[in-house]
Amino acid sequence: MTVDRDEQLERLIGIVLKTGVTISAACLAAGLILRQIPPTAGLSVSVIHAGLIVLLSTPVIRVIVSVYEYAREHDWLFVLLTAIVLVTLLGSLLVGIFG
């Protein structure tokens, strides 16, 4: 990867992380506001859960973007290493859900 490609990857990853955190924060804030309105208690919990899911999925999306970009660049060592990280993250998720 050239310096220009590295900078492009860093910008793309930055966009993914900023977007994930922003959406998550907006969902969490909206959920907390809805929590104060009695008839919307069930909706507020769903919105808060959505915010937490977005927050927890942001690093996984970042790794997926990295695998894709490294594969596009034919940088197979980093594809392998990043894929190992992705498998580890997904394995942890499965253990957390079913474990």
PDB file of N, CA and C in Angstrom:
ATOM      1  N   MET A   1       0.836  -1.182   0.000  1.00  0.00           N
ATOM      2  CA  MET A   1       0.000   0.000   0.000  1.00  0.00           C
ATOM      3  C   MET A   1       0.873   1.234   0.000  1.00  0.00           C
ATOM      4  N   THR A   2       0.501   2.196  -0.809  1.00  0.00           N
ATOM      5  CA  THR A   2       1.245   3.441  -0.836  1.00  0.00           C
ATOM      6  C   THR A   2       0.740   4.350   0.269  1.00  0.00           C
ATOM      7  N   VAL A   3       1.469   5.443   0.472  1.00  0.00           N
ATOM      8  CA  VAL A   3       1.084   6.394   1.515  1.00  0.00           C
ATOM      9  C   VAL A   3      -0.295   6.961   1.217  1.00  0.00           C
ATOM     10  N   ASP A   4      -0.558   7.251  -0.080  1.00  0.00           N
ATOM     11  CA  ASP A   4      -1.858   7.787  -0.466  1.00  0.00           C
ATOM     12  C   ASP A   4      -2.965   6.790  -0.149  1.00  0.00           C
ATOM     13  N   ARG A   5      -2.735   5.512  -0.420  1.00  0.00           N
ATOM     14  CA  ARG A   5      -3.735   4.476  -0.122  1.00  0.00           C
ATOM     15  C   ARG A   5      -3.916   4.307   1.380  1.00  0.00           C
ATOM     16  N   ASP A   6      -2.819   4.406   2.141  1.00  0.00           N
ATOM     17  CA  ASP A   6      -2.917   4.327   3.602  1.00  0.00           C
ATOM     18  C   ASP A   6      -3.771   5.466   4.142  1.00  0.00           C
ATOM     19  N   GLU A   7      -3.541   6.666   3.628  1.00  0.00           N
ATOM     20  CA  GLU A   7      -4.330   7.822   4.069  1.00  0.00           C
ATOM     21  C   GLU A   7      -5.792   7.668   3.689  1.00  0.00           C
ATOM     22  N   GLN A   8      -6.036   7.121   2.509  1.00  0.00           N
ATOM     23  CA  GLN A   8      -7.407   6.887   2.071  1.00  0.00           C
ATOM     24  C   GLN A   8      -8.102   5.875   2.989  1.00  0.00           C
ATOM     25  N   LEU A   9      -7.392   4.802   3.357  1.00  0.00           N
ATOM     26  CA  LEU A   9      -7.952   3.806   4.261  1.00  0.00           C
ATOM     27  C   LEU A   9      -8.218   4.419   5.634  1.00  0.00           C
ATOM     28  N   GLU A  10      -7.292   5.214   6.121  1.00  0.00           N
ATOM     29  CA  GLU A  10      -7.479   5.859   7.421  1.00  0.00           C
ATOM     30  C   GLU A  10      -8.681   6.796   7.401  1.00  0.00           C
ATOM     31  N   ARG A  11      -8.858   7.547   6.317  1.00  0.00           N
ATOM     32  CA  ARG A  11     -10.025   8.432   6.210  1.00  0.00           C
ATOM     33  C   ARG A  11     -11.321   7.631   6.179  1.00  0.00           C
ATOM     34  N   LEU A  12     -11.328   6.534   5.425  1.00  0.00           N
ATOM     35  CA  LEU A  12     -12.521   5.701   5.340  1.00  0.00           C
ATOM     36  C   LEU A  12     -12.866   5.094   6.691  1.00  0.00           C
ATOM     37  N   ILE A  13     -11.866   4.602   7.385  1.00  0.00           N
ATOM     38  CA  ILE A  13     -12.096   4.038   8.718  1.00  0.00           C
ATOM     39  C   ILE A  13     -12.577   5.120   9.679  1.00  0.00           C
ATOM     40  N   GLY A  14     -12.004   6.312   9.566  1.00  0.00           N
ATOM     41  CA  GLY A  14     -12.455   7.432  10.399  1.00  0.00           C
ATOM     42  C   GLY A  14     -13.913   7.760  10.162  1.00  0.00           C
ATOM     43  N   ILE A  15     -14.325   7.730   8.897  1.00  0.00           N
ATOM     44  CA  ILE A  15     -15.727   7.998   8.566  1.00  0.00           C
ATOM     45  C   ILE A  15     -16.628   6.928   9.170  1.00  0.00           C
ATOM     46  N   VAL A  16     -16.216   5.670   9.064  1.00  0.00           N
ATOM     47  CA  VAL A  16     -17.012   4.570   9.632  1.00  0.00           C
ATOM     48  C   VAL A  16     -17.158   4.746  11.141  1.00  0.00           C
ATOM     49  N   LEU A  17     -16.058   5.034  11.816  1.00  0.00           N
ATOM     50  CA  LEU A  17     -16.108   5.167  13.274  1.00  0.00           C
ATOM     51  C   LEU A  17     -16.927   6.386  13.703  1.00  0.00           C
ATOM     52  N   LYS A  18     -16.723   7.524  13.048  1.00  0.00           N
ATOM     53  CA  LYS A  18     -17.489   8.736  13.396  1.00  0.00           C
ATOM     54  C   LYS A  18     -18.976   8.533  13.144  1.00  0.00           C
ATOM     55  N   THR A  19     -19.303   7.902  12.034  1.00  0.00           N
ATOM     56  CA  THR A  19     -20.712   7.667  11.713  1.00  0.00           C
ATOM     57  C   THR A  19     -21.353   6.731  12.736  1.00  0.00           C
ATOM     58  N   GLY A  20     -20.662   5.662  13.074  1.00  0.00           N
ATOM     59  CA  GLY A  20     -21.198   4.724  14.054  1.00  0.00           C
ATOM     60  C   GLY A  20     -21.423   5.358  15.412  1.00  0.00           C
ATOM     61  N   VAL A  21     -20.453   6.126  15.865  1.00  0.00           N
ATOM     62  CA  VAL A  21     -20.581   6.774  17.176  1.00  0.00           C
ATOM     63  C   VAL A  21     -21.682   7.836  17.148  1.00  0.00           C
ATOM     64  N   THR A  22     -21.776   8.579  16.050  1.00  0.00           N
ATOM     65  CA  THR A  22     -22.804   9.620  15.950  1.00  0.00           C
ATOM     66  C   THR A  22     -24.208   9.024  15.942  1.00  0.00           C
ATOM     67  N   ILE A  23     -24.404   7.986  15.144  1.00  0.00           N
ATOM     68  CA  ILE A  23     -25.724   7.332  15.099  1.00  0.00           C
ATOM     69  C   ILE A  23     -26.059   6.728  16.456  1.00  0.00           C
ATOM     70  N   SER A  24     -25.080   6.094  17.075  1.00  0.00           N
ATOM     71  CA  SER A  24     -25.300   5.497  18.386  1.00  0.00           C
ATOM     72  C   SER A  24     -25.669   6.556  19.420  1.00  0.00           C
ATOM     73  N   ALA A  25     -24.922   7.643  19.438  1.00  0.00           N
ATOM     74  CA  ALA A  25     -25.209   8.721  20.402  1.00  0.00           C
ATOM     75  C   ALA A  25     -26.594   9.306  20.173  1.00  0.00           C
ATOM     76  N   ALA A  26     -26.972   9.479  18.908  1.00  0.00           N
ATOM     77  CA  ALA A  26     -28.300  10.014  18.602  1.00  0.00           C
ATOM     78  C   ALA A  26     -29.397   9.065  19.081  1.00  0.00           C
ATOM     79  N   CYS A  27     -29.215   7.772  18.847  1.00  0.00           N
ATOM     80  CA  CYS A  27     -30.205   6.790  19.312  1.00  0.00           C
ATOM     81  C   CYS A  27     -30.295   6.768  20.834  1.00  0.00           C
ATOM     82  N   LEU A  28     -29.143   6.779  21.494  1.00  0.00           N
ATOM     83  CA  LEU A  28     -29.153   6.753  22.961  1.00  0.00           C
ATOM     84  C   LEU A  28     -29.804   8.012  23.529  1.00  0.00           C
ATOM     85  N   ALA A  29     -29.487   9.162  22.962  1.00  0.00           N
ATOM     86  CA  ALA A  29     -30.094  10.414  23.435  1.00  0.00           C
ATOM     87  C   ALA A  29     -31.604  10.411  23.185  1.00  0.00           C
ATOM     88  N   ALA A  30     -32.008   9.972  21.994  1.00  0.00           N
ATOM     89  CA  ALA A  30     -33.443   9.914  21.688  1.00  0.00           C
ATOM     90  C   ALA A  30     -34.160   8.943  22.626  1.00  0.00           C
ATOM     91  N   GLY A  31     -33.521   7.822  22.901  1.00  0.00           N
ATOM     92  CA  GLY A  31     -34.120   6.853  23.815  1.00  0.00           C
ATOM     93  C   GLY A  31     -34.280   7.406  25.218  1.00  0.00           C
ATOM     94  N   LEU A  32     -33.281   8.144  25.667  1.00  0.00           N
ATOM     95  CA  LEU A  32     -33.379   8.748  27.001  1.00  0.00           C
ATOM     96  C   LEU A  32     -34.455   9.825  27.049  1.00  0.00           C
ATOM     97  N   ILE A  33     -34.593  10.581  25.967  1.00  0.00           N
ATOM     98  CA  ILE A  33     -35.652  11.595  25.912  1.00  0.00           C
ATOM     99  C   ILE A  33     -37.021  10.915  25.883  1.00  0.00           C
ATOM    100  N   LEU A  34     -37.160   9.884  25.055  1.00  0.00           N
ATOM    101  CA  LEU A  34     -38.432   9.163  24.991  1.00  0.00           C
ATOM    102  C   LEU A  34     -38.778   8.506  26.321  1.00  0.00           C
ATOM    103  N   ARG A  35     -37.768   8.152  27.069  1.00  0.00           N
ATOM    104  CA  ARG A  35     -37.980   7.504  28.375  1.00  0.00           C
ATOM    105  C   ARG A  35     -38.749   8.407  29.332  1.00  0.00           C
ATOM    106  N   GLN A  36     -38.630   9.710  29.114  1.00  0.00           N
ATOM    107  CA  GLN A  36     -39.304  10.678  29.994  1.00  0.00           C
ATOM    108  C   GLN A  36     -40.785  10.843  29.652  1.00  0.00           C
ATOM    109  N   ILE A  37     -41.209  10.294  28.522  1.00  0.00           N
ATOM    110  CA  ILE A  37     -42.604  10.392  28.101  1.00  0.00           C
ATOM    111  C   ILE A  37     -43.264   9.044  28.399  1.00  0.00           C
ATOM    112  N   PRO A  38     -44.159   8.977  29.377  1.00  0.00           N
ATOM    113  CA  PRO A  38     -44.706   7.696  29.836  1.00  0.00           C
ATOM    114  C   PRO A  38     -45.268   6.763  28.764  1.00  0.00           C
ATOM    115  N   PRO A  39     -46.064   7.217  27.805  1.00  0.00           N
ATOM    116  CA  PRO A  39     -46.614   6.237  26.855  1.00  0.00           C
ATOM    117  C   PRO A  39     -45.575   5.637  25.910  1.00  0.00           C
ATOM    118  N   THR A  40     -44.384   6.192  25.870  1.00  0.00           N
ATOM    119  CA  THR A  40     -43.375   5.701  24.921  1.00  0.00           C
ATOM    120  C   THR A  40     -42.281   4.883  25.599  1.00  0.00           C
ATOM    121  N   ALA A  41     -42.563   4.333  26.758  1.00  0.00           N
ATOM    122  CA  ALA A  41     -41.543   3.590  27.504  1.00  0.00           C
ATOM    123  C   ALA A  41     -41.007   2.397  26.717  1.00  0.00           C
ATOM    124  N   GLY A  42     -41.875   1.653  26.064  1.00  0.00           N
ATOM    125  CA  GLY A  42     -41.433   0.494  25.280  1.00  0.00           C
ATOM    126  C   GLY A  42     -40.591   0.915  24.091  1.00  0.00           C
ATOM    127  N   LEU A  43     -40.998   1.984  23.436  1.00  0.00           N
ATOM    128  CA  LEU A  43     -40.236   2.493  22.291  1.00  0.00           C
ATOM    129  C   LEU A  43     -38.865   2.975  22.729  1.00  0.00           C
ATOM    130  N   SER A  44     -38.807   3.619  23.887  1.00  0.00           N
ATOM    131  CA  SER A  44     -37.522   4.155  24.355  1.00  0.00           C
ATOM    132  C   SER A  44     -36.504   3.038  24.585  1.00  0.00           C
ATOM    133  N   VAL A  45     -36.946   1.931  25.111  1.00  0.00           N
ATOM    134  CA  VAL A  45     -36.045   0.801  25.339  1.00  0.00           C
ATOM    135  C   VAL A  45     -35.533   0.263  24.006  1.00  0.00           C
ATOM    136  N   SER A  46     -36.409   0.176  23.011  1.00  0.00           N
ATOM    137  CA  SER A  46     -35.994  -0.302  21.686  1.00  0.00           C
ATOM    138  C   SER A  46     -34.975   0.633  21.043  1.00  0.00           C
ATOM    139  N   VAL A  47     -35.181   1.937  21.188  1.00  0.00           N
ATOM    140  CA  VAL A  47     -34.261   2.914  20.612  1.00  0.00           C
ATOM    141  C   VAL A  47     -32.910   2.856  21.327  1.00  0.00           C
ATOM    142  N   ILE A  48     -32.926   2.704  22.635  1.00  0.00           N
ATOM    143  CA  ILE A  48     -31.674   2.569  23.391  1.00  0.00           C
ATOM    144  C   ILE A  48     -30.942   1.297  22.978  1.00  0.00           C
ATOM    145  N   HIS A  49     -31.661   0.206  22.828  1.00  0.00           N
ATOM    146  CA  HIS A  49     -31.037  -1.049  22.372  1.00  0.00           C
ATOM    147  C   HIS A  49     -30.437  -0.889  20.981  1.00  0.00           C
ATOM    148  N   ALA A  50     -31.140  -0.196  20.099  1.00  0.00           N
ATOM    149  CA  ALA A  50     -30.616   0.051  18.750  1.00  0.00           C
ATOM    150  C   ALA A  50     -29.310   0.848  18.827  1.00  0.00           C
ATOM    151  N   GLY A  51     -29.264   1.841  19.699  1.00  0.00           N
ATOM    152  CA  GLY A  51     -28.045   2.624  19.867  1.00  0.00           C
ATOM    153  C   GLY A  51     -26.883   1.779  20.364  1.00  0.00           C
ATOM    154  N   LEU A  52     -27.164   0.876  21.286  1.00  0.00           N
ATOM    155  CA  LEU A  52     -26.109   0.000  21.798  1.00  0.00           C
ATOM    156  C   LEU A  52     -25.637  -0.992  20.741  1.00  0.00           C
ATOM    157  N   ILE A  53     -26.572  -1.500  19.938  1.00  0.00           N
ATOM    158  CA  ILE A  53     -26.196  -2.432  18.873  1.00  0.00           C
ATOM    159  C   ILE A  53     -25.318  -1.724  17.839  1.00  0.00           C
ATOM    160  N   VAL A  54     -25.678  -0.498  17.478  1.00  0.00           N
ATOM    161  CA  VAL A  54     -24.862   0.266  16.533  1.00  0.00           C
ATOM    162  C   VAL A  54     -23.470   0.512  17.118  1.00  0.00           C
ATOM    163  N   LEU A  55     -23.414   0.872  18.383  1.00  0.00           N
ATOM    164  CA  LEU A  55     -22.125   1.139  19.028  1.00  0.00           C
ATOM    165  C   LEU A  55     -21.249  -0.114  19.045  1.00  0.00           C
ATOM    166  N   LEU A  56     -21.825  -1.261  19.362  1.00  0.00           N
ATOM    167  CA  LEU A  56     -21.056  -2.495  19.425  1.00  0.00           C
ATOM    168  C   LEU A  56     -20.688  -3.039  18.042  1.00  0.00           C
ATOM    169  N   SER A  57     -21.490  -2.730  17.032  1.00  0.00           N
ATOM    170  CA  SER A  57     -21.182  -3.226  15.692  1.00  0.00           C
ATOM    171  C   SER A  57     -20.195  -2.341  14.934  1.00  0.00           C
ATOM    172  N   THR A  58     -19.956  -1.138  15.411  1.00  0.00           N
ATOM    173  CA  THR A  58     -19.050  -0.214  14.719  1.00  0.00           C
ATOM    174  C   THR A  58     -17.641  -0.788  14.556  1.00  0.00           C
ATOM    175  N   PRO A  59     -17.011  -1.351  15.586  1.00  0.00           N
ATOM    176  CA  PRO A  59     -15.677  -1.924  15.375  1.00  0.00           C
ATOM    177  C   PRO A  59     -15.672  -3.106  14.405  1.00  0.00           C
ATOM    178  N   VAL A  60     -16.748  -3.877  14.387  1.00  0.00           N
ATOM    179  CA  VAL A  60     -16.832  -5.007  13.463  1.00  0.00           C
ATOM    180  C   VAL A  60     -16.901  -4.484  12.029  1.00  0.00           C
ATOM    181  N   ILE A  61     -17.691  -3.449  11.810  1.00  0.00           N
ATOM    182  CA  ILE A  61     -17.793  -2.850  10.483  1.00  0.00           C
ATOM    183  C   ILE A  61     -16.447  -2.279  10.064  1.00  0.00           C
ATOM    184  N   ARG A  62     -15.723  -1.697  10.996  1.00  0.00           N
ATOM    185  CA  ARG A  62     -14.392  -1.163  10.712  1.00  0.00           C
ATOM    186  C   ARG A  62     -13.452  -2.261  10.233  1.00  0.00           C
ATOM    187  N   VAL A  63     -13.506  -3.408  10.855  1.00  0.00           N
ATOM    188  CA  VAL A  63     -12.647  -4.525  10.457  1.00  0.00           C
ATOM    189  C   VAL A  63     -13.079  -5.067   9.088  1.00  0.00           C
ATOM    190  N   ILE A  64     -14.380  -5.135   8.841  1.00  0.00           N
ATOM    191  CA  ILE A  64     -14.870  -5.590   7.538  1.00  0.00           C
ATOM    192  C   ILE A  64     -14.392  -4.652   6.430  1.00  0.00           C
ATOM    193  N   VAL A  65     -14.470  -3.354   6.675  1.00  0.00           N
ATOM    194  CA  VAL A  65     -13.979  -2.372   5.699  1.00  0.00           C
ATOM    195  C   VAL A  65     -12.487  -2.565   5.461  1.00  0.00           C
ATOM    196  N   SER A  66     -11.742  -2.825   6.516  1.00  0.00           N
ATOM    197  CA  SER A  66     -10.301  -3.034   6.378  1.00  0.00           C
ATOM    198  C   SER A  66      -9.991  -4.270   5.546  1.00  0.00           C
ATOM    199  N   VAL A  67     -10.697  -5.366   5.802  1.00  0.00           N
ATOM    200  CA  VAL A  67     -10.482  -6.589   5.018  1.00  0.00           C
ATOM    201  C   VAL A  67     -10.757  -6.310   3.547  1.00  0.00           C
ATOM    202  N   TYR A  68     -11.856  -5.638   3.266  1.00  0.00           N
ATOM    203  CA  TYR A  68     -12.221  -5.333   1.885  1.00  0.00           C
ATOM    204  C   TYR A  68     -11.153  -4.472   1.205  1.00  0.00           C
ATOM    205  N   GLU A  69     -10.709  -3.425   1.883  1.00  0.00           N
ATOM    206  CA  GLU A  69      -9.728  -2.522   1.289  1.00  0.00           C
ATOM    207  C   GLU A  69      -8.382  -3.215   1.073  1.00  0.00           C
ATOM    208  N   TYR A  70      -7.956  -4.024   2.027  1.00  0.00           N
ATOM    209  CA  TYR A  70      -6.699  -4.750   1.855  1.00  0.00           C
ATOM    210  C   TYR A  70      -6.806  -5.756   0.710  1.00  0.00           C
ATOM    211  N   ALA A  71      -7.946  -6.410   0.576  1.00  0.00           N
ATOM    212  CA  ALA A  71      -8.142  -7.356  -0.521  1.00  0.00           C
ATOM    213  C   ALA A  71      -8.142  -6.622  -1.861  1.00  0.00           C
ATOM    214  N   ARG A  72      -8.737  -5.463  -1.879  1.00  0.00           N
ATOM    215  CA  ARG A  72      -8.769  -4.666  -3.104  1.00  0.00           C
ATOM    216  C   ARG A  72      -7.364  -4.263  -3.534  1.00  0.00           C
ATOM    217  N   GLU A  73      -6.502  -4.073  -2.550  1.00  0.00           N
ATOM    218  CA  GLU A  73      -5.111  -3.698  -2.816  1.00  0.00           C
ATOM    219  C   GLU A  73      -4.196  -4.912  -3.003  1.00  0.00           C
ATOM    220  N   HIS A  74      -4.745  -6.104  -2.867  1.00  0.00           N
ATOM    221  CA  HIS A  74      -3.976  -7.349  -2.985  1.00  0.00           C
ATOM    222  C   HIS A  74      -2.866  -7.441  -1.930  1.00  0.00           C
ATOM    223  N   ASP A  75      -3.141  -6.896  -0.760  1.00  0.00           N
ATOM    224  CA  ASP A  75      -2.196  -6.973   0.358  1.00  0.00           C
ATOM    225  C   ASP A  75      -2.616  -8.167   1.214  1.00  0.00           C
ATOM    226  N   TRP A  76      -2.213  -9.357   0.758  1.00  0.00           N
ATOM    227  CA  TRP A  76      -2.757 -10.596   1.306  1.00  0.00           C
ATOM    228  C   TRP A  76      -2.343 -10.855   2.751  1.00  0.00           C
ATOM    229  N   LEU A  77      -1.188 -10.380   3.164  1.00  0.00           N
ATOM    230  CA  LEU A  77      -0.788 -10.561   4.562  1.00  0.00           C
ATOM    231  C   LEU A  77      -1.758  -9.832   5.488  1.00  0.00           C
ATOM    232  N   PHE A  78      -2.088  -8.586   5.131  1.00  0.00           N
ATOM    233  CA  PHE A  78      -3.006  -7.828   5.975  1.00  0.00           C
ATOM    234  C   PHE A  78      -4.444  -8.327   5.851  1.00  0.00           C
ATOM    235  N   VAL A  79      -4.799  -8.882   4.698  1.00  0.00           N
ATOM    236  CA  VAL A  79      -6.113  -9.521   4.574  1.00  0.00           C
ATOM    237  C   VAL A  79      -6.199 -10.673   5.567  1.00  0.00           C
ATOM    238  N   LEU A  80      -5.160 -11.505   5.608  1.00  0.00           N
ATOM    239  CA  LEU A  80      -5.144 -12.640   6.524  1.00  0.00           C
ATOM    240  C   LEU A  80      -5.205 -12.194   7.976  1.00  0.00           C
ATOM    241  N   LEU A  81      -4.352 -11.242   8.342  1.00  0.00           N
ATOM    242  CA  LEU A  81      -4.318 -10.784   9.730  1.00  0.00           C
ATOM    243  C   LEU A  81      -5.633 -10.131  10.150  1.00  0.00           C
ATOM    244  N   THR A  82      -6.191  -9.312   9.262  1.00  0.00           N
ATOM    245  CA  THR A  82      -7.437  -8.630   9.591  1.00  0.00           C
ATOM    246  C   THR A  82      -8.602  -9.611   9.600  1.00  0.00           C
ATOM    247  N   ALA A  83      -8.556 -10.625   8.738  1.00  0.00           N
ATOM    248  CA  ALA A  83      -9.590 -11.657   8.746  1.00  0.00           C
ATOM    249  C   ALA A  83      -9.552 -12.453  10.055  1.00  0.00           C
ATOM    250  N   ILE A  84      -8.359 -12.690  10.571  1.00  0.00           N
ATOM    251  CA  ILE A  84      -8.237 -13.380  11.867  1.00  0.00           C
ATOM    252  C   ILE A  84      -8.898 -12.544  12.960  1.00  0.00           C
ATOM    253  N   VAL A  85      -8.680 -11.237  12.922  1.00  0.00           N
ATOM    254  CA  VAL A  85      -9.322 -10.345  13.894  1.00  0.00           C
ATOM    255  C   VAL A  85     -10.840 -10.412  13.737  1.00  0.00           C
ATOM    256  N   LEU A  86     -11.321 -10.413  12.499  1.00  0.00           N
ATOM    257  CA  LEU A  86     -12.762 -10.479  12.249  1.00  0.00           C
ATOM    258  C   LEU A  86     -13.359 -11.785  12.767  1.00  0.00           C
ATOM    259  N   VAL A  87     -12.688 -12.894  12.510  1.00  0.00           N
ATOM    260  CA  VAL A  87     -13.175 -14.192  12.994  1.00  0.00           C
ATOM    261  C   VAL A  87     -13.203 -14.211  14.525  1.00  0.00           C
ATOM    262  N   THR A  88     -12.191 -13.624  15.135  1.00  0.00           N
ATOM    263  CA  THR A  88     -12.146 -13.550  16.599  1.00  0.00           C
ATOM    264  C   THR A  88     -13.308 -12.722  17.140  1.00  0.00           C
ATOM    265  N   LEU A  89     -13.578 -11.574  16.512  1.00  0.00           N
ATOM    266  CA  LEU A  89     -14.702 -10.735  16.947  1.00  0.00           C
ATOM    267  C   LEU A  89     -16.032 -11.471  16.790  1.00  0.00           C
ATOM    268  N   LEU A  90     -16.220 -12.104  15.642  1.00  0.00           N
ATOM    269  CA  LEU A  90     -17.474 -12.828  15.413  1.00  0.00           C
ATOM    270  C   LEU A  90     -17.609 -14.036  16.325  1.00  0.00           C
ATOM    271  N   GLY A  91     -16.491 -14.722  16.597  1.00  0.00           N
ATOM    272  CA  GLY A  91     -16.519 -15.833  17.547  1.00  0.00           C
ATOM    273  C   GLY A  91     -16.901 -15.368  18.943  1.00  0.00           C
ATOM    274  N   SER A  92     -16.372 -14.238  19.353  1.00  0.00           N
ATOM    275  CA  SER A  92     -16.724 -13.666  20.658  1.00  0.00           C
ATOM    276  C   SER A  92     -18.206 -13.317  20.716  1.00  0.00           C
ATOM    277  N   LEU A  93     -18.713 -12.804  19.598  1.00  0.00           N
ATOM    278  CA  LEU A  93     -20.138 -12.458  19.536  1.00  0.00           C
ATOM    279  C   LEU A  93     -20.984 -13.722  19.686  1.00  0.00           C
ATOM    280  N   LEU A  94     -20.617 -14.778  18.979  1.00  0.00           N
ATOM    281  CA  LEU A  94     -21.384 -16.032  19.072  1.00  0.00           C
ATOM    282  C   LEU A  94     -21.319 -16.633  20.478  1.00  0.00           C
ATOM    283  N   VAL A  95     -20.162 -16.581  21.088  1.00  0.00           N
ATOM    284  CA  VAL A  95     -20.048 -17.091  22.467  1.00  0.00           C
ATOM    285  C   VAL A  95     -20.909 -16.249  23.410  1.00  0.00           C
ATOM    286  N   GLY A  96     -20.915 -14.940  23.174  1.00  0.00           N
ATOM    287  CA  GLY A  96     -21.732 -14.058  24.002  1.00  0.00           C
ATOM    288  C   GLY A  96     -23.224 -14.325  23.845  1.00  0.00           C
ATOM    289  N   ILE A  97     -23.624 -14.651  22.639  1.00  0.00           N
ATOM    290  CA  ILE A  97     -25.054 -14.875  22.385  1.00  0.00           C
ATOM    291  C   ILE A  97     -25.470 -16.281  22.850  1.00  0.00           C
ATOM    292  N   PHE A  98     -24.692 -17.284  22.463  1.00  0.00           N
ATOM    293  CA  PHE A  98     -25.095 -18.667  22.715  1.00  0.00           C
ATOM    294  C   PHE A  98     -24.339 -19.341  23.865  1.00  0.00           C
ATOM    295  N   GLY A  99     -23.286 -18.685  24.357  1.00  0.00           N
ATOM    296  CA  GLY A  99     -22.370 -19.318  25.261  1.00  0.00           C
ATOM    297  C   GLY A  99     -22.761 -19.552  26.628  1.00  0.00           C
TER     298      GLY A  99
END
